[in-house]
C-alpha atoms as a PDB file:
ATOM      1  CA  MET A   1       0.000   0.000   0.000  1.00  0.00           C
ATOM      2  CA  ALA A   2       1.496   3.324  -1.042  1.00  0.00           C
ATOM      3  CA  LEU A   3       1.456   6.358   1.191  1.00  0.00           C
ATOM      4  CA  PRO A   4      -0.642   9.313   0.047  1.00  0.00           C
ATOM      5  CA  LYS A   5       1.423  12.179  -1.405  1.00  0.00           C
ATOM      6  CA  PHE A   6       0.142  14.655   1.198  1.00  0.00           C
ATOM      7  CA  LEU A   7       2.159  12.787   3.857  1.00  0.00           C
ATOM      8  CA  GLN A   8       5.378  14.037   2.245  1.00  0.00           C
ATOM      9  CA  THR A   9       4.986  17.211   4.340  1.00  0.00           C
ATOM     10  CA  CYS A  10       5.293  15.074   7.484  1.00  0.00           C
ATOM     11  CA  LEU A  11       8.059  12.870   6.095  1.00  0.00           C
ATOM     12  CA  TRP A  12      10.028  15.446   4.110  1.00  0.00           C
ATOM     13  CA  SER A  13      13.405  13.728   4.411  1.00  0.00           C
ATOM     14  CA  TYR A  14      12.121  10.297   3.347  1.00  0.00           C
ATOM     15  CA  ASP A  15      11.204   8.785   0.001  1.00  0.00           C
ATOM     16  CA  ILE A  16       7.592   7.932   0.777  1.00  0.00           C
ATOM     17  CA  SER A  17       7.280   5.875  -2.417  1.00  0.00           C
ATOM     18  CA  LYS A  18       9.545   3.311  -0.705  1.00  0.00           C
ATOM     19  CA  MET A  19       7.699   3.293   2.601  1.00  0.00           C
ATOM     20  CA  ASP A  20       5.086   0.764   3.662  1.00  0.00           C
ATOM     21  CA  PRO A  21       2.565   2.008   6.249  1.00  0.00           C
ATOM     22  CA  HIS A  22       2.301  -1.510   7.687  1.00  0.00           C
ATOM     23  CA  ASP A  23       6.009  -2.386   7.831  1.00  0.00           C
ATOM     24  CA  SER A  24       6.905  -2.204  11.539  1.00  0.00           C
ATOM     25  CA  SER A  25       9.842   0.220  11.246  1.00  0.00           C
ATOM     26  CA  ASP A  26       8.075   2.457   8.713  1.00  0.00           C
ATOM     27  CA  LYS A  27       4.875   2.379  10.747  1.00  0.00           C
ATOM     28  CA  GLU A  28       6.597   3.655  13.886  1.00  0.00           C
ATOM     29  CA  LEU A  29       8.240   6.493  11.976  1.00  0.00           C
ATOM     30  CA  ILE A  30       5.028   7.431  10.142  1.00  0.00           C
ATOM     31  CA  ILE A  31       3.042   7.490  13.390  1.00  0.00           C
ATOM     32  CA  GLN A  32       5.667   9.622  15.103  1.00  0.00           C
ATOM     33  CA  GLN A  33       5.998  12.099  12.241  1.00  0.00           C
ATOM     34  CA  VAL A  34       2.271  12.492  11.624  1.00  0.00           C
ATOM     35  CA  LEU A  35       1.682  13.121  15.334  1.00  0.00           C
ATOM     36  CA  ASN A  36       4.481  15.702  15.281  1.00  0.00           C
ATOM     37  CA  HIS A  37       3.731  17.462  11.991  1.00  0.00           C
ATOM     38  CA  GLY A  38       0.419  16.286  10.554  1.00  0.00           C
ATOM     39  CA  GLY A  39      -2.392  18.605   9.566  1.00  0.00           C
ATOM     40  CA  SER A  40      -6.071  17.700   9.364  1.00  0.00           C
ATOM     41  CA  GLU A  41      -5.781  15.726   6.091  1.00  0.00           C
ATOM     42  CA  ALA A  42      -2.852  13.676   7.383  1.00  0.00           C
ATOM     43  CA  LEU A  43      -4.574  13.018  10.712  1.00  0.00           C
ATOM     44  CA  LYS A  44      -7.803  11.869   9.019  1.00  0.00           C
ATOM     45  CA  TRP A  45      -5.836   9.354   6.955  1.00  0.00           C
ATOM     46  CA  PHE A  46      -3.772   8.418  10.003  1.00  0.00           C
ATOM     47  CA  PHE A  47      -6.688   7.521  12.267  1.00  0.00           C
ATOM     48  CA  LYS A  48      -8.302   5.450   9.480  1.00  0.00           C
ATOM     49  CA  THR A  49      -5.032   3.588   8.894  1.00  0.00           C
ATOM     50  CA  TYR A  50      -3.716   2.808  12.379  1.00  0.00           C
ATOM     51  CA  LYS A  51      -5.233   1.181  15.432  1.00  0.00           C
ATOM     52  CA  ARG A  52      -5.231   3.026  18.722  1.00  0.00           C
ATOM     53  CA  GLU A  53      -2.919   0.423  20.294  1.00  0.00           C
ATOM     54  CA  ASP A  54      -0.319   0.999  17.543  1.00  0.00           C
ATOM     55  CA  ILE A  55      -0.424   4.733  18.181  1.00  0.00           C
ATOM     56  CA  VAL A  56      -0.269   4.345  21.962  1.00  0.00           C
ATOM     57  CA  LYS A  57       2.722   2.008  21.625  1.00  0.00           C
ATOM     58  CA  VAL A  58       4.695   4.660  19.729  1.00  0.00           C
ATOM     59  CA  VAL A  59       3.757   7.443  22.154  1.00  0.00           C
ATOM     60  CA  LYS A  60       4.587   5.236  25.174  1.00  0.00           C
ATOM     61  CA  SER A  61       8.089   4.604  23.826  1.00  0.00           C
ATOM     62  CA  PRO A  62       9.040   7.875  22.159  1.00  0.00           C
ATOM     63  CA  ARG A  63      12.271   7.904  20.137  1.00  0.00           C
ATOM     64  CA  ARG A  64      15.066   9.911  21.656  1.00  0.00           C
ATOM     65  CA  GLY A  65      15.301  13.475  20.310  1.00  0.00           C
ATOM     66  CA  MET A  66      12.494  13.072  17.779  1.00  0.00           C
ATOM     67  CA  TRP A  67       9.465  14.747  19.341  1.00  0.00           C
ATOM     68  CA  LEU A  68       8.375  18.361  19.374  1.00  0.00           C
ATOM     69  CA  PRO A  69       7.565  19.352  22.971  1.00  0.00           C
ATOM     70  CA  ARG A  70       4.010  20.530  22.203  1.00  0.00           C
ATOM     71  CA  ALA A  71       3.226  17.419  20.161  1.00  0.00           C
ATOM     72  CA  LEU A  72       4.428  14.920  22.757  1.00  0.00           C
ATOM     73  CA  ASN A  73       2.676  16.826  25.540  1.00  0.00           C
ATOM     74  CA  TYR A  74      -0.579  16.966  23.569  1.00  0.00           C
ATOM     75  CA  TRP A  75      -0.628  13.305  22.488  1.00  0.00           C
ATOM     76  CA  THR A  76       0.335  11.920  25.903  1.00  0.00           C
ATOM     77  CA  LYS A  77      -2.641  13.807  27.356  1.00  0.00           C
ATOM     78  CA  VAL A  78      -5.124  12.950  24.579  1.00  0.00           C
ATOM     79  CA  LEU A  79      -4.150   9.271  24.563  1.00  0.00           C
ATOM     80  CA  GLU A  80      -3.785   9.184  28.374  1.00  0.00           C
ATOM     81  CA  VAL A  81      -0.293   7.723  28.129  1.00  0.00           C
ATOM     82  CA  LYS A  82       2.186   7.813  30.988  1.00  0.00           C
ATOM     83  CA  VAL A  83       5.833   8.143  29.944  1.00  0.00           C
ATOM     84  CA  PRO A  84       8.599   8.081  32.565  1.00  0.00           C
ATOM     85  CA  LYS A  85       9.960  11.609  33.009  1.00  0.00           C
ATOM     86  CA  VAL A  86      13.496  10.693  31.946  1.00  0.00           C
ATOM     87  CA  ILE A  87      12.227   9.040  28.724  1.00  0.00           C
ATOM     88  CA  TYR A  88       9.894  11.966  28.028  1.00  0.00           C
ATOM     89  CA  GLU A  89      12.668  14.549  28.436  1.00  0.00           C
ATOM     90  CA  ALA A  90      15.091  12.576  26.270  1.00  0.00           C
ATOM     91  CA  ALA A  91      12.449  12.270  23.529  1.00  0.00           C
ATOM     92  CA  LEU A  92      12.165  16.027  23.076  1.00  0.00           C
ATOM     93  CA  PHE A  93      13.932  17.542  20.093  1.00  0.00           C
ATOM     94  CA  SER A  94      16.489  20.204  20.982  1.00  0.00           C
ATOM     95  CA  LEU A  95      19.265  21.945  19.096  1.00  0.00           C
ATOM     96  CA  HIS A  96      21.188  22.399  22.330  1.00  0.00           C
ATOM     97  CA  PRO A  97      23.205  19.602  23.940  1.00  0.00           C
ATOM     98  CA  ARG A  98      21.468  18.325  27.058  1.00  0.00           C
ATOM     99  CA  PHE A  99      24.178  16.218  28.644  1.00  0.00           C
ATOM    100  CA  ASP A 100      22.395  15.933  31.977  1.00  0.00           C
ATOM    101  CA  VAL A 101      19.219  14.642  30.321  1.00  0.00           C
ATOM    102  CA  MET A 102      21.115  12.134  28.190  1.00  0.00           C
ATOM    103  CA  ASP A 103      23.143  10.938  31.182  1.00  0.00           C
ATOM    104  CA  LYS A 104      19.928  10.280  33.141  1.00  0.00           C
ATOM    105  CA  TYR A 105      18.403   8.617  30.072  1.00  0.00           C
ATOM    106  CA  PHE A 106      21.267   6.177  29.551  1.00  0.00           C
ATOM    107  CA  LYS A 107      21.383   5.314  33.257  1.00  0.00           C
ATOM    108  CA  TYR A 108      17.634   4.674  33.203  1.00  0.00           C
ATOM    109  CA  MET A 109      17.893   2.519  30.080  1.00  0.00           C
ATOM    110  CA  GLU A 110      20.759   0.487  31.551  1.00  0.00           C
ATOM    111  CA  LYS A 111      18.775  -0.103  34.736  1.00  0.00           C
ATOM    112  CA  HIS A 112      15.607  -1.101  32.840  1.00  0.00           C
ATOM    113  CA  LYS A 113      17.061  -2.945  29.862  1.00  0.00           C
ATOM    114  CA  LYS A 114      15.399  -6.184  28.907  1.00  0.00           C
ATOM    115  CA  ASP A 115      17.683  -9.191  28.864  1.00  0.00           C
END
């Protein structure tokens, strides 16, 4: 299934003709980017395409440095998702080095890693 062309605005640095909305790695990226950057057309398509549990899974485990603060705040509230503070802070995009946040993040991940 090809992605609609209007999603290029959410996935500007990707070749959407090579993406599959149901491939697990593409799906996670598409969900994240649409929640961060999607307008009404993208969100309508998005909620018809993905199940709530898929969306919640991505918001519960946000990728490090990939989320806009307002977007992550909004979607955690709307979806009623709890994200540990250290994971939440590390997920926020910033142009400034945040060594203290990353140090806490890596310590948290080491402590909670799955064997």
